[in-house]
C-alpha atoms as a PDB file:
ATOM      1  CA  MET A   1     -77.324  73.449 -55.110  1.00  0.00           C
ATOM      2  CA  ILE A   2     -80.649  75.331 -54.673  1.00  0.00           C
ATOM      3  CA  GLU A   3     -80.642  78.615 -52.777  1.00  0.00           C
ATOM      4  CA  ILE A   4     -83.773  80.634 -52.052  1.00  0.00           C
ATOM      5  CA  GLN A   5     -83.586  84.126 -50.558  1.00  0.00           C
ATOM      6  CA  GLY A   6     -86.531  86.350 -49.592  1.00  0.00           C
ATOM      7  CA  LEU A   7     -88.920  84.550 -51.935  1.00  0.00           C
ATOM      8  CA  LYS A   8     -92.493  85.835 -51.981  1.00  0.00           C
ATOM      9  CA  LYS A   9     -95.494  85.398 -54.203  1.00  0.00           C
ATOM     10  CA  ARG A  10     -98.632  87.449 -53.798  1.00  0.00           C
ATOM     11  CA  TYR A  11    -101.902  87.262 -55.673  1.00  0.00           C
ATOM     12  CA  LYS A  12    -103.767  90.508 -54.946  1.00  0.00           C
ATOM     13  CA  GLU A  13    -103.977  90.613 -51.134  1.00  0.00           C
ATOM     14  CA  ALA A  14    -103.033  86.974 -50.490  1.00  0.00           C
ATOM     15  CA  THR A  15     -99.425  85.943 -49.864  1.00  0.00           C
ATOM     16  CA  VAL A  16     -99.186  82.312 -50.989  1.00  0.00           C
ATOM     17  CA  VAL A  17     -95.409  81.826 -50.632  1.00  0.00           C
ATOM     18  CA  ASP A  18     -93.141  83.571 -48.127  1.00  0.00           C
ATOM     19  CA  ILE A  19     -89.721  81.962 -47.608  1.00  0.00           C
ATOM     20  CA  ASP A  20     -86.992  83.978 -45.939  1.00  0.00           C
ATOM     21  CA  GLN A  21     -84.162  81.547 -46.694  1.00  0.00           C
ATOM     22  CA  LEU A  22     -83.882  77.935 -47.843  1.00  0.00           C
ATOM     23  CA  SER A  23     -80.878  75.878 -48.960  1.00  0.00           C
ATOM     24  CA  ILE A  24     -81.205  72.430 -50.505  1.00  0.00           C
ATOM     25  CA  GLY A  25     -77.872  70.681 -50.918  1.00  0.00           C
ATOM     26  CA  SER A  26     -76.630  68.121 -53.376  1.00  0.00           C
ATOM     27  CA  ASN A  27     -77.958  64.557 -52.947  1.00  0.00           C
ATOM     28  CA  GLU A  28     -80.689  65.639 -50.524  1.00  0.00           C
ATOM     29  CA  SER A  29     -84.308  64.599 -50.612  1.00  0.00           C
ATOM     30  CA  PHE A  30     -86.496  67.585 -49.796  1.00  0.00           C
ATOM     31  CA  GLY A  31     -90.116  66.846 -48.981  1.00  0.00           C
ATOM     32  CA  LEU A  32     -92.707  69.585 -49.043  1.00  0.00           C
ATOM     33  CA  VAL A  33     -95.933  68.621 -47.275  1.00  0.00           C
ATOM     34  CA  GLY A  34     -98.963  70.855 -46.990  1.00  0.00           C
ATOM     35  CA  ASN A  35    -102.681  71.123 -47.548  1.00  0.00           C
ATOM     36  CA  ASN A  36    -104.133  71.673 -50.987  1.00  0.00           C
ATOM     37  CA  GLY A  37    -103.712  75.351 -51.830  1.00  0.00           C
ATOM     38  CA  ALA A  38    -100.810  75.834 -49.391  1.00  0.00           C
ATOM     39  CA  GLY A  39     -98.446  77.062 -52.136  1.00  0.00           C
ATOM     40  CA  LYS A  40     -96.413  73.908 -52.824  1.00  0.00           C
ATOM     41  CA  THR A  41     -96.936  73.956 -56.588  1.00  0.00           C
ATOM     42  CA  THR A  42     -96.476  77.730 -56.716  1.00  0.00           C
ATOM     43  CA  LEU A  43     -93.095  77.335 -54.991  1.00  0.00           C
ATOM     44  CA  PHE A  44     -92.057  74.670 -57.496  1.00  0.00           C
ATOM     45  CA  ARG A  45     -93.208  76.881 -60.376  1.00  0.00           C
ATOM     46  CA  MET A  46     -91.147  79.785 -59.014  1.00  0.00           C
ATOM     47  CA  ILE A  47     -88.076  77.552 -58.654  1.00  0.00           C
ATOM     48  CA  LEU A  48     -88.553  76.532 -62.308  1.00  0.00           C
ATOM     49  CA  ASP A  49     -89.147  80.169 -63.354  1.00  0.00           C
ATOM     50  CA  LEU A  50     -92.625  79.310 -64.633  1.00  0.00           C
ATOM     51  CA  VAL A  51     -94.273  81.844 -62.308  1.00  0.00           C
ATOM     52  CA  LYS A  52     -92.882  85.323 -61.742  1.00  0.00           C
ATOM     53  CA  THR A  53     -91.904  86.000 -58.158  1.00  0.00           C
ATOM     54  CA  THR A  54     -93.222  89.024 -56.297  1.00  0.00           C
ATOM     55  CA  SER A  55     -89.777  89.351 -54.705  1.00  0.00           C
ATOM     56  CA  GLY A  56     -86.711  87.286 -53.893  1.00  0.00           C
ATOM     57  CA  THR A  57     -84.270  85.081 -55.740  1.00  0.00           C
ATOM     58  CA  VAL A  58     -83.787  81.435 -56.640  1.00  0.00           C
ATOM     59  CA  THR A  59     -80.399  80.113 -57.733  1.00  0.00           C
ATOM     60  CA  ILE A  60     -79.501  76.626 -58.900  1.00  0.00           C
ATOM     61  CA  ASN A  61     -75.810  75.713 -58.905  1.00  0.00           C
ATOM     62  CA  GLY A  62     -75.054  79.398 -58.470  1.00  0.00           C
ATOM     63  CA  LYS A  63     -77.112  80.445 -61.513  1.00  0.00           C
ATOM     64  CA  SER A  64     -80.174  82.635 -61.111  1.00  0.00           C
ATOM     65  CA  VAL A  65     -83.250  80.990 -62.617  1.00  0.00           C
ATOM     66  CA  GLN A  66     -84.615  84.360 -63.699  1.00  0.00           C
ATOM     67  CA  GLY A  67     -83.507  85.393 -67.187  1.00  0.00           C
ATOM     68  CA  ASN A  68     -81.003  82.550 -67.487  1.00  0.00           C
ATOM     69  CA  ASP A  69     -81.351  79.114 -69.087  1.00  0.00           C
ATOM     70  CA  GLU A  70     -78.023  77.664 -67.911  1.00  0.00           C
ATOM     71  CA  TRP A  71     -79.581  75.971 -64.848  1.00  0.00           C
ATOM     72  CA  LYS A  72     -82.145  74.056 -66.942  1.00  0.00           C
ATOM     73  CA  LYS A  73     -79.667  71.368 -67.974  1.00  0.00           C
ATOM     74  CA  PHE A  74     -79.351  70.361 -64.299  1.00  0.00           C
ATOM     75  CA  VAL A  75     -83.087  70.023 -63.605  1.00  0.00           C
ATOM     76  CA  GLY A  76     -85.789  67.525 -64.548  1.00  0.00           C
ATOM     77  CA  SER A  77     -89.361  68.079 -63.455  1.00  0.00           C
ATOM     78  CA  PHE A  78     -92.931  66.933 -63.699  1.00  0.00           C
ATOM     79  CA  LEU A  79     -95.547  69.098 -62.054  1.00  0.00           C
ATOM     80  CA  ASP A  80     -98.722  68.294 -63.969  1.00  0.00           C
ATOM     81  CA  GLU A  81    -100.228  67.023 -67.208  1.00  0.00           C
ATOM     82  CA  GLY A  82     -99.516  70.371 -68.888  1.00  0.00           C
ATOM     83  CA  PHE A  83     -95.924  69.142 -69.259  1.00  0.00           C
ATOM     84  CA  LEU A  84     -97.133  66.348 -71.584  1.00  0.00           C
ATOM     85  CA  ILE A  85     -98.184  66.387 -75.255  1.00  0.00           C
ATOM     86  CA  PRO A  86    -101.565  64.613 -75.452  1.00  0.00           C
ATOM     87  CA  TYR A  87    -101.538  63.851 -79.199  1.00  0.00           C
ATOM     88  CA  LEU A  88     -98.314  61.818 -78.984  1.00  0.00           C
ATOM     89  CA  THR A  89     -97.961  58.246 -77.778  1.00  0.00           C
ATOM     90  CA  PRO A  90     -95.686  57.761 -74.757  1.00  0.00           C
ATOM     91  CA  ASP A  91     -93.029  56.278 -77.069  1.00  0.00           C
ATOM     92  CA  GLU A  92     -93.178  59.340 -79.337  1.00  0.00           C
ATOM     93  CA  TYR A  93     -93.060  61.671 -76.342  1.00  0.00           C
ATOM     94  CA  PHE A  94     -90.042  59.915 -74.827  1.00  0.00           C
ATOM     95  CA  ARG A  95     -88.237  60.107 -78.204  1.00  0.00           C
ATOM     96  CA  PHE A  96     -89.101  63.815 -78.474  1.00  0.00           C
ATOM     97  CA  VAL A  97     -87.768  64.607 -74.992  1.00  0.00           C
ATOM     98  CA  GLY A  98     -84.778  62.334 -75.592  1.00  0.00           C
ATOM     99  CA  ASN A  99     -83.920  64.218 -78.787  1.00  0.00           C
ATOM    100  CA  LEU A 100     -83.992  67.499 -76.857  1.00  0.00           C
ATOM    101  CA  HIS A 101     -81.352  66.035 -74.530  1.00  0.00           C
ATOM    102  CA  GLY A 102     -79.235  64.460 -77.276  1.00  0.00           C
ATOM    103  CA  TYR A 103     -80.219  60.889 -76.449  1.00  0.00           C
ATOM    104  CA  ASN A 104     -79.840  58.189 -79.066  1.00  0.00           C
ATOM    105  CA  ALA A 105     -82.199  55.205 -79.223  1.00  0.00           C
ATOM    106  CA  ALA A 106     -79.921  53.033 -77.046  1.00  0.00           C
ATOM    107  CA  ASP A 107     -79.636  55.709 -74.319  1.00  0.00           C
ATOM    108  CA  LEU A 108     -83.395  56.141 -74.231  1.00  0.00           C
ATOM    109  CA  LYS A 109     -84.052  52.405 -74.175  1.00  0.00           C
ATOM    110  CA  SER A 110     -81.622  51.980 -71.276  1.00  0.00           C
ATOM    111  CA  LEU A 111     -83.344  54.706 -69.256  1.00  0.00           C
ATOM    112  CA  LEU A 112     -86.871  53.476 -69.959  1.00  0.00           C
ATOM    113  CA  GLU A 113     -85.961  49.896 -68.991  1.00  0.00           C
ATOM    114  CA  LYS A 114     -85.548  51.171 -65.415  1.00  0.00           C
ATOM    115  CA  PHE A 115     -89.173  52.305 -65.501  1.00  0.00           C
ATOM    116  CA  GLU A 116     -90.690  49.084 -66.891  1.00  0.00           C
ATOM    117  CA  VAL A 117     -91.376  47.855 -63.350  1.00  0.00           C
ATOM    118  CA  LEU A 118     -93.446  51.018 -62.850  1.00  0.00           C
ATOM    119  CA  PHE A 119     -95.003  50.957 -66.339  1.00  0.00           C
ATOM    120  CA  HIS A 120     -96.217  47.389 -65.708  1.00  0.00           C
ATOM    121  CA  GLY A 121     -96.642  46.790 -69.459  1.00  0.00           C
ATOM    122  CA  GLU A 122     -99.200  49.605 -69.783  1.00  0.00           C
ATOM    123  CA  ILE A 123     -97.153  52.513 -71.185  1.00  0.00           C
ATOM    124  CA  THR A 124     -94.624  51.727 -73.918  1.00  0.00           C
ATOM    125  CA  GLY A 125     -95.352  49.847 -77.129  1.00  0.00           C
ATOM    126  CA  LYS A 126     -99.120  50.279 -76.799  1.00  0.00           C
ATOM    127  CA  ASN A 127     -99.737  52.881 -79.541  1.00  0.00           C
ATOM    128  CA  LYS A 128    -102.164  54.699 -77.238  1.00  0.00           C
ATOM    129  CA  TYR A 129    -102.136  58.500 -77.121  1.00  0.00           C
ATOM    130  CA  ILE A 130    -101.043  60.231 -73.933  1.00  0.00           C
ATOM    131  CA  GLY A 131    -104.366  62.074 -73.890  1.00  0.00           C
ATOM    132  CA  ASP A 132    -106.168  58.724 -73.605  1.00  0.00           C
ATOM    133  CA  LEU A 133    -104.176  57.430 -70.622  1.00  0.00           C
ATOM    134  CA  SER A 134    -105.497  57.154 -67.074  1.00  0.00           C
ATOM    135  CA  LYS A 135    -104.414  59.759 -64.515  1.00  0.00           C
ATOM    136  CA  GLY A 136    -101.990  57.295 -62.937  1.00  0.00           C
ATOM    137  CA  ASN A 137    -100.400  56.390 -66.266  1.00  0.00           C
ATOM    138  CA  LEU A 138    -100.102  60.077 -67.203  1.00  0.00           C
ATOM    139  CA  LYS A 139     -98.178  60.532 -63.968  1.00  0.00           C
ATOM    140  CA  LYS A 140     -95.872  57.615 -64.831  1.00  0.00           C
ATOM    141  CA  VAL A 141     -95.077  59.067 -68.279  1.00  0.00           C
ATOM    142  CA  GLY A 142     -94.287  62.487 -66.817  1.00  0.00           C
ATOM    143  CA  ILE A 143     -92.114  61.105 -64.043  1.00  0.00           C
ATOM    144  CA  ALA A 144     -90.116  58.915 -66.440  1.00  0.00           C
ATOM    145  CA  ALA A 145     -89.623  61.847 -68.835  1.00  0.00           C
ATOM    146  CA  SER A 146     -88.275  63.990 -65.988  1.00  0.00           C
ATOM    147  CA  PHE A 147     -85.315  61.596 -65.707  1.00  0.00           C
ATOM    148  CA  ILE A 148     -84.296  61.992 -69.358  1.00  0.00           C
ATOM    149  CA  GLY A 149     -81.048  63.923 -69.545  1.00  0.00           C
ATOM    150  CA  ASN A 150     -79.761  62.537 -66.218  1.00  0.00           C
ATOM    151  CA  PRO A 151     -80.572  65.729 -64.294  1.00  0.00           C
ATOM    152  CA  GLN A 152     -78.892  66.407 -60.960  1.00  0.00           C
ATOM    153  CA  ILE A 153     -82.157  67.752 -59.531  1.00  0.00           C
ATOM    154  CA  ILE A 154     -85.599  66.205 -60.029  1.00  0.00           C
ATOM    155  CA  MET A 155     -88.745  68.033 -58.947  1.00  0.00           C
ATOM    156  CA  LEU A 156     -91.984  66.067 -58.679  1.00  0.00           C
ATOM    157  CA  ASP A 157     -95.290  67.581 -57.602  1.00  0.00           C
ATOM    158  CA  GLU A 158     -97.563  65.023 -55.910  1.00  0.00           C
ATOM    159  CA  PRO A 159     -95.877  62.050 -57.671  1.00  0.00           C
ATOM    160  CA  PHE A 160     -97.805  59.396 -55.714  1.00  0.00           C
ATOM    161  CA  GLU A 161    -101.224  60.920 -56.368  1.00  0.00           C
ATOM    162  CA  ASN A 162    -103.420  58.764 -58.648  1.00  0.00           C
ATOM    163  CA  LEU A 163    -101.046  55.794 -58.410  1.00  0.00           C
ATOM    164  CA  ASP A 164    -102.301  52.456 -57.135  1.00  0.00           C
ATOM    165  CA  PRO A 165    -100.565  51.117 -53.987  1.00  0.00           C
ATOM    166  CA  THR A 166     -98.281  48.751 -55.937  1.00  0.00           C
ATOM    167  CA  SER A 167     -97.165  51.564 -58.248  1.00  0.00           C
ATOM    168  CA  GLN A 168     -96.527  53.825 -55.246  1.00  0.00           C
ATOM    169  CA  ILE A 169     -94.206  51.213 -53.735  1.00  0.00           C
ATOM    170  CA  ARG A 170     -92.439  50.655 -57.063  1.00  0.00           C
ATOM    171  CA  LEU A 171     -91.979  54.383 -57.613  1.00  0.00           C
ATOM    172  CA  LYS A 172     -90.534  54.845 -54.131  1.00  0.00           C
ATOM    173  CA  GLU A 173     -88.073  51.987 -54.738  1.00  0.00           C
ATOM    174  CA  LEU A 174     -87.138  53.389 -58.142  1.00  0.00           C
ATOM    175  CA  LEU A 175     -86.497  56.874 -56.727  1.00  0.00           C
ATOM    176  CA  GLN A 176     -84.343  55.449 -53.930  1.00  0.00           C
ATOM    177  CA  ALA A 177     -82.331  53.257 -56.317  1.00  0.00           C
ATOM    178  CA  GLU A 178     -81.712  56.144 -58.706  1.00  0.00           C
ATOM    179  CA  ARG A 179     -80.601  58.378 -55.845  1.00  0.00           C
ATOM    180  CA  LYS A 180     -78.038  55.795 -54.720  1.00  0.00           C
ATOM    181  CA  LEU A 181     -76.844  55.255 -58.287  1.00  0.00           C
ATOM    182  CA  ARG A 182     -76.402  58.888 -59.328  1.00  0.00           C
ATOM    183  CA  GLN A 183     -76.651  61.078 -56.240  1.00  0.00           C
ATOM    184  CA  VAL A 184     -79.856  62.810 -57.365  1.00  0.00           C
ATOM    185  CA  THR A 185     -81.384  65.676 -55.391  1.00  0.00           C
ATOM    186  CA  TYR A 186     -85.168  65.324 -55.113  1.00  0.00           C
ATOM    187  CA  LEU A 187     -87.783  67.948 -54.385  1.00  0.00           C
ATOM    188  CA  ILE A 188     -91.082  66.161 -53.837  1.00  0.00           C
ATOM    189  CA  SER A 189     -94.372  67.652 -52.715  1.00  0.00           C
ATOM    190  CA  SER A 190     -97.364  65.925 -51.202  1.00  0.00           C
ATOM    191  CA  HIS A 191    -100.486  66.646 -49.213  1.00  0.00           C
ATOM    192  CA  ASP A 192    -100.424  63.083 -47.837  1.00  0.00           C
ATOM    193  CA  LEU A 193     -98.230  62.205 -44.845  1.00  0.00           C
ATOM    194  CA  ASN A 194     -98.208  58.512 -45.811  1.00  0.00           C
END
C-alpha cells in the first residue's frame, strides 16, 4: 500500500529523515513515536508530497506521490490546523470537504454521526467559527474531516494531543471501530508512549 525507498530530507547540514526502506501494508496500523523535532511530521509531509524530498521515492498503491494526483483519492489526513479554514464553521467546513468528495447531505450526516461521541455536542450546529475553537476541538474537526471520502489510508499527526482524557479514549475507540468496519490503514504519530 505505502512503499518508501531511500527517502531522505536534509535542511542545510542536518538530515532530519533518512529511511532506507519501509513498507506499510493494507489494514495495518503504523505508529511513529519520537521526540519533538525527530522528523515525524516531515516524514508525513513527504508521504503527502507537501515537502520536497532530498532523495528517494514514496508510492501509494503503486502510484508515485511526486507529480501525480491519482493516489490522493486513497488518502485522508490531518497534520495540523493549517488544513482547516478558520473563517468557516465546522458545519460549513464539513460540507465544503464533502462536496470535494462528492458527498450529498445524507452521506455527510451519516459520517458525522459516528463522530458525535467525540464531538460531545461542542462542534456541529453551534455556529462558531473554526478559528474560535479550542485546540482540542480544532483537532476533532480535522480528524473527522480526514475520514470524508472513505479513504483507505488515514494519516494523523499527534491526534491525541490537546484532547482531554475522555476524548482520547473515545477517539481510540472510534479509530478501532472504523478499522474493523472498513479495513483502514492508519499512520499515526506521537511523542507520547501512553
